[in-house]
Amino acid sequence: MDLKDIEKNYERKSDEEIIRIATTDAYGLRPEVYAIIENELKKRNLDHKIIGGVIAQNKEYTKDELEVYSNNLRNLPCPICGNEYSKLNATISHTVASFIVFSTYSAKLTIACPSCLDYRNNNAMFSTAMLGWWAPSAAIFKTPLYVYRNYKAKKQNSISNANDTLLSFTLAKIGEIEVYKNDREKLKEIIKLVDI
């Protein structure tokens, strides 16, 4: 697509679409497109800081740089219990439930305080241990594997730095975090939407 076509395409998009693209879907955009998005933001009187989301999504980061971004999330209150004193982290709780002829598997990302993360992993381990054994395919392979994954994830819930799960989430949401780094309410929305 040439730049004129791209420009016309962005002109047809709504404000919400422009903001979404700039904050979440700009990875891999050609640098020439940045100026087109920036012009659209100016024409529509949208916050000029939104272009920072495009730039943030197209940079390479060191682990230390991701830690700085993740601290914007870690210092928020827990979206589950409201605890404001513990630094947030992230976990993935893995569950398997078997019903003789079929099994269901899930992996759920949660960002919360260490106590709430432990609770999620414990529930997933208990659920998997109770319900994962009822189908032969799940009983042999998935059930012990998922119990182990929860156990391993739980060990990372209370570490002093951002764990790898939170750093991965931070990288995936880097455009939004860059744009809204000074807006605690928007940041709360970003982590609350994870826990569905």
N, C-alpha and C. Protein backbone atom coordinates (compact mmCIF):
# COMPACT_ATOMS: atom_id res chain seq x y z
N MET A 1 0.84 -1.18 0.00
CA MET A 1 0.00 0.00 0.00
C MET A 1 0.88 1.24 0.00
N ASP A 2 0.55 2.21 -0.82
CA ASP A 2 1.37 3.43 -0.80
C ASP A 2 0.86 4.37 0.30
N LEU A 3 1.65 5.36 0.62
CA LEU A 3 1.35 6.23 1.76
C LEU A 3 0.05 7.01 1.60
N LYS A 4 -0.32 7.39 0.39
CA LYS A 4 -1.58 8.11 0.17
C LYS A 4 -2.77 7.22 0.51
N ASP A 5 -2.71 5.96 0.12
CA ASP A 5 -3.79 5.02 0.45
C ASP A 5 -3.88 4.80 1.96
N ILE A 6 -2.72 4.68 2.58
CA ILE A 6 -2.69 4.50 4.04
C ILE A 6 -3.28 5.71 4.73
N GLU A 7 -2.94 6.90 4.25
CA GLU A 7 -3.46 8.14 4.83
C GLU A 7 -4.98 8.20 4.71
N LYS A 8 -5.51 7.85 3.53
CA LYS A 8 -6.97 7.83 3.33
C LYS A 8 -7.63 6.81 4.24
N ASN A 9 -6.98 5.67 4.40
CA ASN A 9 -7.51 4.62 5.26
C ASN A 9 -7.63 5.12 6.71
N TYR A 10 -6.60 5.80 7.21
CA TYR A 10 -6.65 6.33 8.57
C TYR A 10 -7.67 7.45 8.71
N GLU A 11 -7.88 8.24 7.67
CA GLU A 11 -8.88 9.31 7.72
C GLU A 11 -10.28 8.75 7.93
N ARG A 12 -10.54 7.56 7.40
CA ARG A 12 -11.87 6.94 7.52
C ARG A 12 -12.11 6.29 8.88
N LYS A 13 -11.08 6.10 9.65
CA LYS A 13 -11.22 5.43 10.95
C LYS A 13 -11.78 6.39 11.99
N SER A 14 -12.49 5.82 12.95
CA SER A 14 -13.02 6.63 14.06
C SER A 14 -11.90 6.98 15.03
N ASP A 15 -12.18 7.92 15.93
CA ASP A 15 -11.20 8.28 16.96
C ASP A 15 -10.80 7.05 17.78
N GLU A 16 -11.78 6.25 18.15
CA GLU A 16 -11.51 5.05 18.96
C GLU A 16 -10.60 4.08 18.22
N GLU A 17 -10.81 3.92 16.92
CA GLU A 17 -9.96 3.02 16.13
C GLU A 17 -8.53 3.54 16.05
N ILE A 18 -8.38 4.85 15.86
CA ILE A 18 -7.04 5.45 15.80
C ILE A 18 -6.32 5.24 17.14
N ILE A 19 -7.01 5.48 18.24
CA ILE A 19 -6.41 5.31 19.56
C ILE A 19 -6.05 3.84 19.79
N ARG A 20 -6.94 2.93 19.42
CA ARG A 20 -6.67 1.49 19.59
C ARG A 20 -5.45 1.08 18.78
N ILE A 21 -5.37 1.51 17.55
CA ILE A 21 -4.22 1.16 16.70
C ILE A 21 -2.94 1.71 17.32
N ALA A 22 -2.98 2.97 17.73
CA ALA A 22 -1.78 3.61 18.27
C ALA A 22 -1.31 2.99 19.58
N THR A 23 -2.24 2.50 20.39
CA THR A 23 -1.86 1.97 21.70
C THR A 23 -1.71 0.46 21.74
N THR A 24 -2.35 -0.27 20.81
CA THR A 24 -2.29 -1.74 20.91
C THR A 24 -1.93 -2.47 19.62
N ASP A 25 -2.14 -1.87 18.47
CA ASP A 25 -1.97 -2.60 17.21
C ASP A 25 -0.95 -1.97 16.27
N ALA A 26 0.04 -1.29 16.80
CA ALA A 26 1.00 -0.59 15.94
C ALA A 26 2.31 -1.35 15.73
N TYR A 27 2.42 -2.53 16.31
CA TYR A 27 3.67 -3.28 16.16
C TYR A 27 3.92 -3.59 14.68
N GLY A 28 5.11 -3.27 14.22
CA GLY A 28 5.49 -3.58 12.85
C GLY A 28 5.13 -2.52 11.83
N LEU A 29 4.53 -1.41 12.26
CA LEU A 29 4.23 -0.34 11.31
C LEU A 29 5.51 0.27 10.77
N ARG A 30 5.46 0.63 9.52
CA ARG A 30 6.60 1.31 8.91
C ARG A 30 6.76 2.69 9.55
N PRO A 31 7.98 3.16 9.72
CA PRO A 31 8.20 4.48 10.34
C PRO A 31 7.48 5.62 9.62
N GLU A 32 7.29 5.52 8.31
CA GLU A 32 6.59 6.58 7.57
C GLU A 32 5.12 6.72 8.02
N VAL A 33 4.57 5.62 8.53
CA VAL A 33 3.16 5.63 8.95
C VAL A 33 2.99 6.39 10.27
N TYR A 34 4.06 6.46 11.08
CA TYR A 34 3.99 7.19 12.34
C TYR A 34 3.50 8.62 12.11
N ALA A 35 4.07 9.28 11.09
CA ALA A 35 3.71 10.67 10.79
C ALA A 35 2.24 10.78 10.38
N ILE A 36 1.74 9.78 9.65
CA ILE A 36 0.33 9.78 9.24
C ILE A 36 -0.57 9.71 10.48
N ILE A 37 -0.22 8.82 11.39
CA ILE A 37 -1.01 8.70 12.63
C ILE A 37 -0.91 9.98 13.44
N GLU A 38 0.28 10.52 13.54
CA GLU A 38 0.47 11.76 14.30
C GLU A 38 -0.35 12.90 13.70
N ASN A 39 -0.41 13.00 12.38
CA ASN A 39 -1.23 14.03 11.72
C ASN A 39 -2.71 13.82 12.01
N GLU A 40 -3.16 12.57 12.00
CA GLU A 40 -4.56 12.28 12.33
C GLU A 40 -4.88 12.69 13.77
N LEU A 41 -3.96 12.42 14.67
CA LEU A 41 -4.16 12.80 16.07
C LEU A 41 -4.30 14.32 16.19
N LYS A 42 -3.44 15.05 15.47
CA LYS A 42 -3.50 16.52 15.51
C LYS A 42 -4.80 17.04 14.90
N LYS A 43 -5.17 16.50 13.73
CA LYS A 43 -6.41 16.95 13.07
C LYS A 43 -7.63 16.75 13.95
N ARG A 44 -7.61 15.70 14.73
CA ARG A 44 -8.78 15.37 15.56
C ARG A 44 -8.67 15.93 16.97
N ASN A 45 -7.62 16.67 17.25
CA ASN A 45 -7.37 17.21 18.59
C ASN A 45 -7.32 16.13 19.66
N LEU A 46 -6.75 14.98 19.31
CA LEU A 46 -6.55 13.91 20.28
C LEU A 46 -5.21 14.13 20.98
N ASP A 47 -5.07 13.57 22.14
CA ASP A 47 -3.86 13.74 22.94
C ASP A 47 -2.62 13.35 22.12
N HIS A 48 -1.67 14.29 22.02
CA HIS A 48 -0.46 14.05 21.22
C HIS A 48 0.42 12.95 21.81
N LYS A 49 0.24 12.63 23.11
CA LYS A 49 1.05 11.58 23.74
C LYS A 49 0.72 10.19 23.20
N ILE A 50 -0.42 10.07 22.52
CA ILE A 50 -0.83 8.77 22.00
C ILE A 50 0.18 8.23 20.98
N ILE A 51 0.87 9.12 20.28
CA ILE A 51 1.89 8.66 19.31
C ILE A 51 3.00 7.89 20.03
N GLY A 52 3.19 8.16 21.31
CA GLY A 52 4.18 7.42 22.11
C GLY A 52 3.88 5.93 22.15
N GLY A 53 2.61 5.56 22.04
CA GLY A 53 2.23 4.15 22.01
C GLY A 53 2.74 3.46 20.76
N VAL A 54 2.69 4.16 19.63
CA VAL A 54 3.20 3.60 18.37
C VAL A 54 4.70 3.38 18.48
N ILE A 55 5.39 4.38 18.96
CA ILE A 55 6.85 4.30 19.07
C ILE A 55 7.25 3.20 20.06
N ALA A 56 6.54 3.13 21.19
CA ALA A 56 6.86 2.14 22.22
C ALA A 56 6.70 0.72 21.70
N GLN A 57 5.70 0.48 20.87
CA GLN A 57 5.47 -0.87 20.36
C GLN A 57 6.51 -1.30 19.33
N ASN A 58 7.26 -0.38 18.82
CA ASN A 58 8.22 -0.69 17.77
C ASN A 58 9.66 -0.50 18.21
N LYS A 59 9.90 -0.61 19.50
CA LYS A 59 11.24 -0.53 20.07
C LYS A 59 11.63 -1.88 20.63
N GLU A 60 12.92 -2.10 20.78
CA GLU A 60 13.43 -3.27 21.49
C GLU A 60 13.72 -2.83 22.92
N TYR A 61 13.48 -3.72 23.89
CA TYR A 61 13.65 -3.37 25.29
C TYR A 61 14.59 -4.34 25.99
N THR A 62 15.35 -3.80 26.93
CA THR A 62 16.13 -4.65 27.82
C THR A 62 15.21 -5.08 28.96
N LYS A 63 15.63 -6.05 29.71
CA LYS A 63 14.85 -6.48 30.87
C LYS A 63 14.70 -5.33 31.88
N ASP A 64 15.75 -4.56 32.06
CA ASP A 64 15.69 -3.42 32.99
C ASP A 64 14.66 -2.38 32.55
N GLU A 65 14.60 -2.12 31.25
CA GLU A 65 13.60 -1.17 30.74
C GLU A 65 12.18 -1.70 30.94
N LEU A 66 11.98 -3.00 30.72
CA LEU A 66 10.66 -3.58 30.96
C LEU A 66 10.29 -3.52 32.44
N GLU A 67 11.29 -3.69 33.31
CA GLU A 67 11.04 -3.58 34.76
C GLU A 67 10.50 -2.19 35.11
N VAL A 68 11.08 -1.17 34.50
CA VAL A 68 10.62 0.21 34.76
C VAL A 68 9.16 0.35 34.34
N TYR A 69 8.83 -0.13 33.15
CA TYR A 69 7.43 -0.07 32.70
C TYR A 69 6.52 -0.90 33.61
N SER A 70 6.98 -2.07 34.01
CA SER A 70 6.13 -2.94 34.84
C SER A 70 5.87 -2.32 36.21
N ASN A 71 6.77 -1.46 36.68
CA ASN A 71 6.54 -0.80 37.97
C ASN A 71 5.32 0.11 37.94
N ASN A 72 4.97 0.59 36.76
CA ASN A 72 3.72 1.37 36.64
C ASN A 72 2.52 0.50 37.02
N LEU A 73 2.61 -0.79 36.74
CA LEU A 73 1.53 -1.73 37.08
C LEU A 73 1.68 -2.26 38.50
N ARG A 74 2.89 -2.54 38.90
CA ARG A 74 3.14 -3.16 40.21
C ARG A 74 2.72 -2.26 41.37
N ASN A 75 2.71 -0.96 41.14
CA ASN A 75 2.37 -0.02 42.21
C ASN A 75 0.88 0.29 42.31
N LEU A 76 0.08 -0.37 41.50
CA LEU A 76 -1.38 -0.18 41.56
C LEU A 76 -1.97 -1.04 42.68
N PRO A 77 -3.18 -0.70 43.15
CA PRO A 77 -3.84 -1.59 44.11
C PRO A 77 -4.24 -2.90 43.45
N CYS A 78 -4.29 -3.95 44.23
CA CYS A 78 -4.69 -5.26 43.71
C CYS A 78 -6.10 -5.18 43.14
N PRO A 79 -6.31 -5.61 41.89
CA PRO A 79 -7.64 -5.53 41.30
C PRO A 79 -8.63 -6.53 41.90
N ILE A 80 -8.14 -7.49 42.69
CA ILE A 80 -9.03 -8.48 43.29
C ILE A 80 -9.43 -8.09 44.71
N CYS A 81 -8.43 -7.83 45.57
CA CYS A 81 -8.73 -7.55 46.98
C CYS A 81 -8.56 -6.09 47.38
N GLY A 82 -7.95 -5.27 46.52
CA GLY A 82 -7.76 -3.86 46.81
C GLY A 82 -6.52 -3.54 47.63
N ASN A 83 -5.72 -4.53 47.99
CA ASN A 83 -4.49 -4.33 48.76
C ASN A 83 -3.60 -3.31 48.05
N GLU A 84 -3.19 -2.27 48.78
CA GLU A 84 -2.34 -1.23 48.19
C GLU A 84 -0.91 -1.31 48.69
N TYR A 85 -0.60 -2.30 49.53
CA TYR A 85 0.72 -2.35 50.16
C TYR A 85 1.66 -3.37 49.53
N SER A 86 1.14 -4.37 48.89
CA SER A 86 1.98 -5.38 48.24
C SER A 86 2.14 -5.05 46.77
N LYS A 87 3.33 -5.24 46.27
CA LYS A 87 3.58 -5.02 44.84
C LYS A 87 2.90 -6.12 44.04
N LEU A 88 2.27 -5.73 42.95
CA LEU A 88 1.57 -6.69 42.10
C LEU A 88 2.57 -7.50 41.28
N ASN A 89 2.13 -8.67 40.90
CA ASN A 89 2.87 -9.51 39.98
C ASN A 89 1.86 -10.25 39.14
N ALA A 90 2.28 -11.25 38.40
CA ALA A 90 1.35 -11.96 37.52
C ALA A 90 1.57 -13.45 37.62
N THR A 91 0.53 -14.19 37.31
CA THR A 91 0.64 -15.65 37.25
C THR A 91 -0.28 -16.17 36.17
N ILE A 92 -0.01 -17.38 35.77
CA ILE A 92 -0.93 -18.09 34.88
C ILE A 92 -1.38 -19.32 35.65
N SER A 93 -2.68 -19.44 35.83
CA SER A 93 -3.23 -20.62 36.51
C SER A 93 -3.74 -21.59 35.44
N HIS A 94 -3.26 -22.82 35.53
CA HIS A 94 -3.56 -23.86 34.54
C HIS A 94 -4.55 -24.86 35.17
N THR A 95 -5.60 -25.15 34.44
CA THR A 95 -6.56 -26.14 34.93
C THR A 95 -6.92 -27.14 33.85
N VAL A 96 -7.24 -28.32 34.28
CA VAL A 96 -7.78 -29.36 33.41
C VAL A 96 -8.97 -29.99 34.15
N ALA A 97 -10.05 -30.20 33.42
CA ALA A 97 -11.22 -30.88 33.97
C ALA A 97 -11.61 -31.97 32.98
N SER A 98 -11.79 -33.18 33.47
CA SER A 98 -12.09 -34.32 32.60
C SER A 98 -13.46 -34.88 32.90
N PHE A 99 -14.11 -35.33 31.85
CA PHE A 99 -15.46 -35.88 31.97
C PHE A 99 -15.56 -37.18 31.17
N ILE A 100 -14.77 -38.16 31.51
CA ILE A 100 -14.68 -39.50 30.93
C ILE A 100 -14.34 -39.49 29.44
N VAL A 101 -15.14 -38.86 28.60
CA VAL A 101 -14.88 -38.90 27.16
C VAL A 101 -14.17 -37.66 26.63
N PHE A 102 -14.15 -36.58 27.39
CA PHE A 102 -13.44 -35.39 26.93
C PHE A 102 -12.87 -34.62 28.12
N SER A 103 -11.93 -33.75 27.81
CA SER A 103 -11.30 -32.91 28.83
C SER A 103 -11.25 -31.48 28.34
N THR A 104 -11.28 -30.55 29.28
CA THR A 104 -11.10 -29.14 28.93
C THR A 104 -9.83 -28.65 29.63
N TYR A 105 -9.12 -27.77 28.94
CA TYR A 105 -7.88 -27.21 29.46
C TYR A 105 -7.98 -25.70 29.40
N SER A 106 -7.42 -25.04 30.40
CA SER A 106 -7.38 -23.58 30.34
C SER A 106 -6.13 -23.06 31.03
N ALA A 107 -5.71 -21.91 30.58
CA ALA A 107 -4.60 -21.18 31.19
C ALA A 107 -5.07 -19.74 31.31
N LYS A 108 -5.12 -19.24 32.53
CA LYS A 108 -5.68 -17.92 32.79
C LYS A 108 -4.64 -17.00 33.42
N LEU A 109 -4.43 -15.86 32.79
CA LEU A 109 -3.49 -14.85 33.29
C LEU A 109 -4.20 -13.97 34.32
N THR A 110 -3.52 -13.74 35.45
CA THR A 110 -4.04 -12.86 36.49
C THR A 110 -2.92 -11.95 36.95
N ILE A 111 -3.23 -10.68 37.11
CA ILE A 111 -2.32 -9.72 37.72
C ILE A 111 -2.96 -9.29 39.03
N ALA A 112 -2.22 -9.49 40.12
CA ALA A 112 -2.78 -9.21 41.45
C ALA A 112 -1.65 -9.22 42.48
N CYS A 113 -2.02 -9.05 43.74
CA CYS A 113 -1.04 -9.13 44.82
C CYS A 113 -0.62 -10.59 45.01
N PRO A 114 0.50 -10.86 45.64
CA PRO A 114 0.96 -12.23 45.81
C PRO A 114 -0.05 -13.16 46.49
N SER A 115 -0.77 -12.66 47.48
CA SER A 115 -1.77 -13.50 48.16
C SER A 115 -2.88 -13.95 47.22
N CYS A 116 -3.37 -13.04 46.42
CA CYS A 116 -4.43 -13.39 45.46
C CYS A 116 -3.91 -14.31 44.37
N LEU A 117 -2.66 -14.10 43.94
CA LEU A 117 -2.07 -14.99 42.95
C LEU A 117 -1.91 -16.39 43.51
N ASP A 118 -1.45 -16.50 44.76
CA ASP A 118 -1.33 -17.82 45.40
C ASP A 118 -2.69 -18.51 45.46
N TYR A 119 -3.70 -17.74 45.81
CA TYR A 119 -5.06 -18.29 45.89
C TYR A 119 -5.49 -18.86 44.53
N ARG A 120 -5.21 -18.11 43.45
CA ARG A 120 -5.57 -18.57 42.10
C ARG A 120 -4.83 -19.87 41.75
N ASN A 121 -3.53 -19.90 42.01
CA ASN A 121 -2.77 -21.11 41.71
C ASN A 121 -3.21 -22.29 42.56
N ASN A 122 -3.48 -22.05 43.85
CA ASN A 122 -3.96 -23.13 44.73
C ASN A 122 -5.30 -23.68 44.24
N ASN A 123 -6.21 -22.78 43.87
CA ASN A 123 -7.51 -23.23 43.36
C ASN A 123 -7.35 -24.06 42.09
N ALA A 124 -6.47 -23.61 41.21
CA ALA A 124 -6.24 -24.33 39.96
C ALA A 124 -5.64 -25.71 40.23
N MET A 125 -4.69 -25.78 41.18
CA MET A 125 -4.10 -27.08 41.53
C MET A 125 -5.16 -28.01 42.12
N PHE A 126 -5.96 -27.48 43.03
CA PHE A 126 -6.99 -28.29 43.67
C PHE A 126 -8.01 -28.78 42.64
N SER A 127 -8.49 -27.86 41.82
CA SER A 127 -9.47 -28.22 40.79
C SER A 127 -8.92 -29.27 39.84
N THR A 128 -7.69 -29.08 39.40
CA THR A 128 -7.06 -30.03 38.48
C THR A 128 -6.86 -31.38 39.17
N ALA A 129 -6.42 -31.35 40.42
CA ALA A 129 -6.20 -32.61 41.15
C ALA A 129 -7.51 -33.37 41.36
N MET A 130 -8.61 -32.65 41.51
CA MET A 130 -9.89 -33.32 41.75
C MET A 130 -10.59 -33.72 40.45
N LEU A 131 -10.51 -32.88 39.43
CA LEU A 131 -11.30 -33.11 38.22
C LEU A 131 -10.50 -33.56 37.00
N GLY A 132 -9.19 -33.57 37.11
CA GLY A 132 -8.37 -33.87 35.95
C GLY A 132 -8.16 -35.34 35.65
N TRP A 133 -8.52 -36.21 36.56
CA TRP A 133 -8.19 -37.63 36.43
C TRP A 133 -9.25 -38.47 35.74
N TRP A 134 -10.34 -37.89 35.33
CA TRP A 134 -11.49 -38.69 34.90
C TRP A 134 -11.49 -39.07 33.42
N ALA A 135 -10.51 -38.67 32.68
CA ALA A 135 -10.38 -39.12 31.28
C ALA A 135 -8.96 -39.66 31.12
N PRO A 136 -8.80 -40.80 30.49
CA PRO A 136 -7.48 -41.42 30.41
C PRO A 136 -6.39 -40.52 29.81
N SER A 137 -6.71 -39.78 28.76
CA SER A 137 -5.68 -38.94 28.13
C SER A 137 -5.22 -37.82 29.07
N ALA A 138 -6.12 -37.25 29.82
CA ALA A 138 -5.76 -36.17 30.74
C ALA A 138 -5.08 -36.71 31.98
N ALA A 139 -5.53 -37.85 32.45
CA ALA A 139 -5.00 -38.41 33.69
C ALA A 139 -3.50 -38.69 33.60
N ILE A 140 -3.07 -39.20 32.49
CA ILE A 140 -1.67 -39.60 32.36
C ILE A 140 -0.75 -38.42 32.15
N PHE A 141 -1.12 -37.50 31.29
CA PHE A 141 -0.20 -36.43 30.91
C PHE A 141 -0.55 -35.06 31.47
N LYS A 142 -1.75 -34.60 31.22
CA LYS A 142 -2.10 -33.21 31.51
C LYS A 142 -2.25 -32.93 33.00
N THR A 143 -2.88 -33.80 33.73
CA THR A 143 -3.15 -33.51 35.14
C THR A 143 -1.87 -33.28 35.94
N PRO A 144 -0.90 -34.20 35.91
CA PRO A 144 0.32 -33.91 36.68
C PRO A 144 1.10 -32.70 36.13
N LEU A 145 1.07 -32.53 34.82
CA LEU A 145 1.77 -31.39 34.21
C LEU A 145 1.16 -30.07 34.68
N TYR A 146 -0.16 -29.97 34.69
CA TYR A 146 -0.82 -28.73 35.09
C TYR A 146 -0.68 -28.46 36.58
N VAL A 147 -0.69 -29.50 37.40
CA VAL A 147 -0.44 -29.30 38.83
C VAL A 147 0.97 -28.75 39.01
N TYR A 148 1.93 -29.33 38.30
CA TYR A 148 3.32 -28.85 38.38
C TYR A 148 3.44 -27.41 37.89
N ARG A 149 2.80 -27.07 36.80
CA ARG A 149 2.88 -25.69 36.27
C ARG A 149 2.35 -24.68 37.28
N ASN A 150 1.27 -25.02 37.96
CA ASN A 150 0.73 -24.12 38.99
C ASN A 150 1.70 -23.99 40.17
N TYR A 151 2.27 -25.12 40.57
CA TYR A 151 3.23 -25.10 41.66
C TYR A 151 4.43 -24.22 41.29
N LYS A 152 4.94 -24.39 40.08
CA LYS A 152 6.09 -23.61 39.61
C LYS A 152 5.72 -22.12 39.50
N ALA A 153 4.55 -21.80 38.97
CA ALA A 153 4.10 -20.41 38.84
C ALA A 153 3.95 -19.77 40.22
N LYS A 154 3.45 -20.53 41.17
CA LYS A 154 3.22 -20.00 42.51
C LYS A 154 4.53 -19.56 43.17
N LYS A 155 5.62 -20.23 42.86
CA LYS A 155 6.92 -19.86 43.43
C LYS A 155 7.37 -18.47 42.97
N GLN A 156 6.82 -17.97 41.87
CA GLN A 156 7.20 -16.67 41.32
C GLN A 156 6.29 -15.52 41.79
N ASN A 157 5.24 -15.85 42.50
CA ASN A 157 4.26 -14.82 42.88
C ASN A 157 4.79 -13.78 43.85
N SER A 158 5.72 -14.16 44.72
CA SER A 158 6.17 -13.26 45.78
C SER A 158 7.59 -12.74 45.57
N ILE A 159 8.17 -12.95 44.40
CA ILE A 159 9.54 -12.45 44.21
C ILE A 159 9.53 -10.92 44.23
N SER A 160 10.68 -10.34 44.56
CA SER A 160 10.73 -8.89 44.76
C SER A 160 10.66 -8.09 43.46
N ASN A 161 11.10 -8.66 42.35
CA ASN A 161 11.02 -7.97 41.05
C ASN A 161 9.81 -8.48 40.28
N ALA A 162 9.55 -7.84 39.17
CA ALA A 162 8.49 -8.34 38.28
C ALA A 162 8.90 -9.71 37.76
N ASN A 163 7.98 -10.68 37.81
CA ASN A 163 8.32 -12.01 37.31
C ASN A 163 8.19 -12.03 35.78
N ASP A 164 8.63 -13.13 35.18
CA ASP A 164 8.62 -13.22 33.73
C ASP A 164 7.22 -13.09 33.14
N THR A 165 6.22 -13.57 33.84
CA THR A 165 4.85 -13.47 33.35
C THR A 165 4.42 -12.01 33.27
N LEU A 166 4.73 -11.23 34.29
CA LEU A 166 4.38 -9.81 34.26
C LEU A 166 5.20 -9.06 33.22
N LEU A 167 6.47 -9.42 33.07
CA LEU A 167 7.29 -8.76 32.05
C LEU A 167 6.76 -9.05 30.65
N SER A 168 6.30 -10.28 30.42
CA SER A 168 5.71 -10.61 29.11
C SER A 168 4.43 -9.82 28.87
N PHE A 169 3.60 -9.71 29.90
CA PHE A 169 2.37 -8.92 29.80
C PHE A 169 2.72 -7.46 29.52
N THR A 170 3.72 -6.94 30.23
CA THR A 170 4.14 -5.55 30.06
C THR A 170 4.57 -5.30 28.62
N LEU A 171 5.34 -6.21 28.07
CA LEU A 171 5.78 -6.06 26.68
C LEU A 171 4.59 -6.09 25.72
N ALA A 172 3.63 -6.96 25.98
CA ALA A 172 2.44 -7.06 25.12
C ALA A 172 1.58 -5.80 25.20
N LYS A 173 1.60 -5.12 26.33
CA LYS A 173 0.77 -3.93 26.55
C LYS A 173 1.58 -2.64 26.58
N ILE A 174 2.80 -2.68 26.07
CA ILE A 174 3.74 -1.56 26.21
C ILE A 174 3.20 -0.26 25.63
N GLY A 175 2.47 -0.31 24.53
CA GLY A 175 1.92 0.90 23.93
C GLY A 175 0.93 1.58 24.85
N GLU A 176 0.03 0.80 25.44
CA GLU A 176 -0.94 1.37 26.37
C GLU A 176 -0.27 1.89 27.64
N ILE A 177 0.69 1.13 28.15
CA ILE A 177 1.38 1.55 29.37
C ILE A 177 2.14 2.86 29.13
N GLU A 178 2.78 2.98 27.98
CA GLU A 178 3.50 4.23 27.65
C GLU A 178 2.55 5.41 27.60
N VAL A 179 1.43 5.24 26.92
CA VAL A 179 0.49 6.35 26.76
C VAL A 179 -0.17 6.73 28.09
N TYR A 180 -0.51 5.73 28.90
CA TYR A 180 -1.27 5.98 30.12
C TYR A 180 -0.43 5.86 31.40
N LYS A 181 0.89 5.97 31.29
CA LYS A 181 1.76 5.76 32.46
C LYS A 181 1.48 6.73 33.60
N ASN A 182 0.88 7.88 33.32
CA ASN A 182 0.56 8.84 34.37
C ASN A 182 -0.93 8.86 34.70
N ASP A 183 -1.67 7.89 34.22
CA ASP A 183 -3.12 7.81 34.45
C ASP A 183 -3.45 6.49 35.15
N ARG A 184 -3.46 6.55 36.48
CA ARG A 184 -3.67 5.32 37.28
C ARG A 184 -4.99 4.62 36.93
N GLU A 185 -6.02 5.38 36.65
CA GLU A 185 -7.32 4.76 36.35
C GLU A 185 -7.26 3.94 35.07
N LYS A 186 -6.59 4.47 34.05
CA LYS A 186 -6.44 3.71 32.79
C LYS A 186 -5.59 2.47 33.01
N LEU A 187 -4.51 2.60 33.80
CA LEU A 187 -3.67 1.46 34.09
C LEU A 187 -4.44 0.38 34.86
N LYS A 188 -5.30 0.82 35.77
CA LYS A 188 -6.14 -0.15 36.50
C LYS A 188 -7.05 -0.90 35.54
N GLU A 189 -7.58 -0.21 34.54
CA GLU A 189 -8.42 -0.86 33.53
C GLU A 189 -7.63 -1.92 32.75
N ILE A 190 -6.39 -1.59 32.42
CA ILE A 190 -5.56 -2.52 31.65
C ILE A 190 -5.37 -3.82 32.41
N ILE A 191 -5.07 -3.75 33.72
CA ILE A 191 -4.85 -4.99 34.46
C ILE A 191 -6.15 -5.65 34.89
N LYS A 192 -7.21 -4.88 35.04
CA LYS A 192 -8.50 -5.46 35.44
C LYS A 192 -9.09 -6.28 34.29
N LEU A 193 -8.89 -5.85 33.07
CA LEU A 193 -9.43 -6.57 31.92
C LEU A 193 -8.80 -7.94 31.74
N VAL A 194 -7.61 -8.12 32.32
CA VAL A 194 -6.93 -9.41 32.22
C VAL A 194 -7.68 -10.46 32.99
N ASP A 195 -8.16 -10.09 34.16
CA ASP A 195 -8.79 -11.05 35.07
C ASP A 195 -10.28 -11.14 34.79
N ILE A 196 -10.64 -12.02 33.87
CA ILE A 196 -12.05 -12.14 33.48
C ILE A 196 -12.67 -13.37 34.08
